[in-house]
Amino acid sequence: EETAAPMPLEALKSQMAEVEAEIHRVGRVTPGVYGTLQKLLHLVTNVVEPAIYDAHGTDQLLVLSLHREVLACDATYKRFLEGTKRSGHSLIGKMRGEWAATAAAVESLKTKFSACLDQRDLLVRHNNSICCQQHAACAAAYGYCDVVKLAEGFAGCDYKTHSGEECFREA
């Protein structure tokens, strides 16, 4: 069965205790050696051991401080990401709304433009028919009916009250 290895400080204290026990058992050690051993034991117990505990405590405080900084940084980063994500979603929503409004406006304009073109075509055909009917007798002055076509509709030109030249100039 394996036993856990003792901590280095505990092992040092154990070895010092063994040396001191050996000294007491043998009973023969010079006062100088015994004084040195006592100084070493005092140094380990009163200087080294407290310094190790202090250093450990300082290390623990440093680790705790760094841990708190990492958590704060992580929280700040998460808030940044959430803010960026919300801003992105908001912008996408706004763009979708603008796109839908623009698409609706484009469709409306297409419908209006198509209706306008249809009305223009009907008016031009109507005026061309009137032109052809009114000027069939005088083809030499105005050209043939397929040549005398109105570029745009002039519904206000009444060939009964205006001369053909007047209507043609207005067209």
Protein backbone atom coordinates (compact mmCIF):
# COMPACT_ATOMS: atom_id res chain seq x y z
CA GLU A 1 0.00 0.00 0.00
CA GLU A 2 1.44 3.34 -1.05
CA THR A 3 1.56 6.20 1.35
CA ALA A 4 1.28 9.78 0.22
CA ALA A 5 4.58 11.59 0.02
CA PRO A 6 4.92 14.09 2.88
CA MET A 7 5.00 17.77 2.08
CA PRO A 8 8.58 19.10 1.77
CA LEU A 9 8.27 21.26 4.89
CA GLU A 10 6.83 18.40 6.91
CA ALA A 11 9.58 16.09 5.62
CA LEU A 12 12.21 18.61 6.69
CA LYS A 13 10.65 18.91 10.15
CA SER A 14 10.50 15.11 10.41
CA GLN A 15 14.16 14.78 9.47
CA MET A 16 15.10 17.46 12.00
CA ALA A 17 13.10 15.59 14.65
CA GLU A 18 14.91 12.35 13.76
CA VAL A 19 18.30 14.08 14.03
CA GLU A 20 17.35 15.59 17.37
CA ALA A 21 16.08 12.21 18.63
CA GLU A 22 19.31 10.58 17.48
CA ILE A 23 21.30 13.26 19.29
CA HIS A 24 19.36 12.65 22.50
CA ARG A 25 19.71 8.88 22.13
CA VAL A 26 23.43 8.95 21.52
CA GLY A 27 23.92 11.71 23.98
CA ARG A 28 27.22 12.66 22.52
CA VAL A 29 27.23 15.75 20.39
CA THR A 30 29.30 18.82 20.72
CA PRO A 31 27.57 21.93 21.90
CA GLY A 32 28.49 23.67 18.61
CA VAL A 33 26.79 21.01 16.47
CA TYR A 34 23.77 20.98 18.77
CA GLY A 35 23.56 24.84 18.60
CA THR A 36 23.75 24.72 14.80
CA LEU A 37 20.97 22.15 14.68
CA GLN A 38 18.85 24.30 17.00
CA LYS A 39 19.47 27.35 14.76
CA LEU A 40 18.46 25.31 11.70
CA LEU A 41 15.31 24.12 13.43
CA HIS A 42 14.50 27.68 14.49
CA LEU A 43 15.19 28.93 10.94
CA VAL A 44 12.90 26.30 9.39
CA THR A 45 10.12 26.75 11.96
CA ASN A 46 10.19 30.52 12.43
CA VAL A 47 11.49 31.89 9.10
CA VAL A 48 11.11 29.44 6.23
CA GLU A 49 7.69 28.01 7.14
CA PRO A 50 6.02 31.44 7.72
CA ALA A 51 7.64 32.74 4.51
CA ILE A 52 6.20 29.80 2.57
CA TYR A 53 2.72 30.42 4.00
CA ASP A 54 3.00 34.15 3.27
CA ALA A 55 4.15 33.50 -0.28
CA HIS A 56 1.31 31.02 -0.76
CA GLY A 57 -1.19 33.57 0.56
CA THR A 58 0.22 36.21 -1.77
CA ASP A 59 0.04 33.78 -4.68
CA GLN A 60 -3.56 32.98 -3.79
CA LEU A 61 -4.43 36.70 -3.73
CA LEU A 62 -2.74 37.17 -7.09
CA VAL A 63 -4.61 34.20 -8.55
CA LEU A 64 -7.88 35.52 -7.11
CA SER A 65 -7.23 39.00 -8.52
CA LEU A 66 -6.41 37.57 -11.95
CA HIS A 67 -9.48 35.35 -11.79
CA ARG A 68 -11.67 38.37 -11.04
CA GLU A 69 -10.08 40.30 -13.92
CA VAL A 70 -10.74 37.40 -16.29
CA LEU A 71 -14.37 37.23 -15.14
CA ALA A 72 -14.78 41.00 -15.55
CA CYS A 73 -13.19 40.86 -18.99
CA ASP A 74 -15.40 37.96 -19.94
CA ALA A 75 -18.51 39.81 -18.75
CA THR A 76 -17.46 42.93 -20.66
CA TYR A 77 -16.82 40.86 -23.78
CA LYS A 78 -20.20 39.15 -23.45
CA ARG A 79 -21.94 42.54 -23.05
CA PHE A 80 -20.04 43.77 -26.12
CA LEU A 81 -21.10 40.71 -28.12
CA GLU A 82 -24.71 40.99 -26.99
CA GLY A 83 -24.74 44.71 -27.84
CA THR A 84 -23.20 44.04 -31.23
CA LYS A 85 -25.63 41.22 -31.86
CA ARG A 86 -28.60 43.39 -30.84
CA SER A 87 -27.34 46.22 -33.04
CA GLY A 88 -26.92 43.83 -35.94
CA HIS A 89 -30.41 42.39 -35.47
CA SER A 90 -31.84 45.90 -35.19
CA LEU A 91 -30.05 46.98 -38.36
CA ILE A 92 -31.20 43.88 -40.21
CA GLY A 93 -34.78 44.52 -39.06
CA LYS A 94 -34.57 48.14 -40.16
CA MET A 95 -33.14 47.14 -43.53
CA ARG A 96 -35.87 44.51 -43.98
CA GLY A 97 -38.48 47.17 -43.25
CA GLU A 98 -36.88 49.62 -45.66
CA TRP A 99 -36.53 46.88 -48.27
CA ALA A 100 -40.19 45.91 -47.90
CA ALA A 101 -41.26 49.57 -48.12
CA THR A 102 -39.03 50.11 -51.15
CA ALA A 103 -40.25 46.92 -52.81
CA ALA A 104 -43.86 48.01 -52.23
CA ALA A 105 -43.09 51.47 -53.64
CA VAL A 106 -41.37 49.92 -56.67
CA GLU A 107 -44.32 47.62 -57.29
CA SER A 108 -46.71 50.57 -56.98
CA LEU A 109 -44.63 52.64 -59.41
CA LYS A 110 -44.42 49.72 -61.84
CA THR A 111 -48.20 49.37 -61.74
CA LYS A 112 -48.72 53.12 -62.22
CA PHE A 113 -46.15 53.30 -65.03
CA SER A 114 -47.67 50.29 -66.76
CA ALA A 115 -51.14 51.82 -66.48
CA CYS A 116 -49.79 55.12 -67.79
CA LEU A 117 -48.17 53.38 -70.76
CA ASP A 118 -51.40 51.50 -71.46
CA GLN A 119 -53.40 54.75 -71.35
CA ARG A 120 -50.87 56.47 -73.58
CA ASP A 121 -50.96 53.62 -76.09
CA LEU A 122 -54.77 53.71 -76.14
CA LEU A 123 -54.76 57.49 -76.58
CA VAL A 124 -52.17 57.37 -79.36
CA ARG A 125 -54.14 54.61 -81.14
CA HIS A 126 -57.35 56.57 -80.72
CA ASN A 127 -55.77 59.79 -82.00
CA ASN A 128 -54.10 57.97 -84.88
CA SER A 129 -57.45 56.47 -85.82
CA ILE A 130 -59.06 59.90 -85.76
CA CYS A 131 -56.11 61.31 -87.70
CA CYS A 132 -56.41 58.62 -90.33
CA GLN A 133 -60.14 59.05 -90.59
CA GLN A 134 -60.04 62.86 -90.71
CA HIS A 135 -57.17 63.09 -93.17
CA ALA A 136 -57.87 60.24 -95.50
CA ALA A 137 -59.11 62.71 -98.06
CA CYS A 138 -55.99 64.87 -98.02
CA ALA A 139 -53.17 62.34 -98.00
CA ALA A 140 -50.89 64.51 -100.13
CA ALA A 141 -50.64 67.36 -97.60
CA TYR A 142 -49.92 65.23 -94.51
CA GLY A 143 -48.59 61.97 -95.79
CA TYR A 144 -50.15 58.59 -95.51
CA CYS A 145 -52.03 57.51 -92.43
CA ASP A 146 -49.25 55.17 -91.24
CA VAL A 147 -46.78 58.09 -91.42
CA VAL A 148 -49.00 60.64 -89.65
CA LYS A 149 -48.96 59.17 -86.17
CA LEU A 150 -48.97 61.11 -82.98
CA ALA A 151 -45.84 60.75 -80.88
CA GLU A 152 -47.88 61.50 -77.77
CA GLY A 153 -51.58 61.62 -77.17
CA PHE A 154 -53.22 65.05 -77.57
CA ALA A 155 -56.78 64.37 -76.56
CA GLY A 156 -57.56 68.07 -76.71
CA CYS A 157 -57.09 68.37 -80.48
CA ASP A 158 -60.46 68.31 -82.16
CA TYR A 159 -60.09 67.99 -85.88
CA LYS A 160 -63.57 69.40 -86.40
CA THR A 161 -62.66 72.77 -84.90
CA HIS A 162 -58.93 72.87 -85.75
CA SER A 163 -57.27 72.47 -89.05
CA GLY A 164 -55.24 69.36 -89.74
CA GLU A 165 -52.04 71.43 -89.76
CA GLU A 166 -52.80 72.79 -86.25
CA CYS A 167 -53.40 69.34 -84.84
CA PHE A 168 -50.30 68.01 -86.60
CA ARG A 169 -48.13 70.84 -85.19
CA GLU A 170 -49.42 70.19 -81.69
CA ALA A 171 -48.77 66.50 -82.05
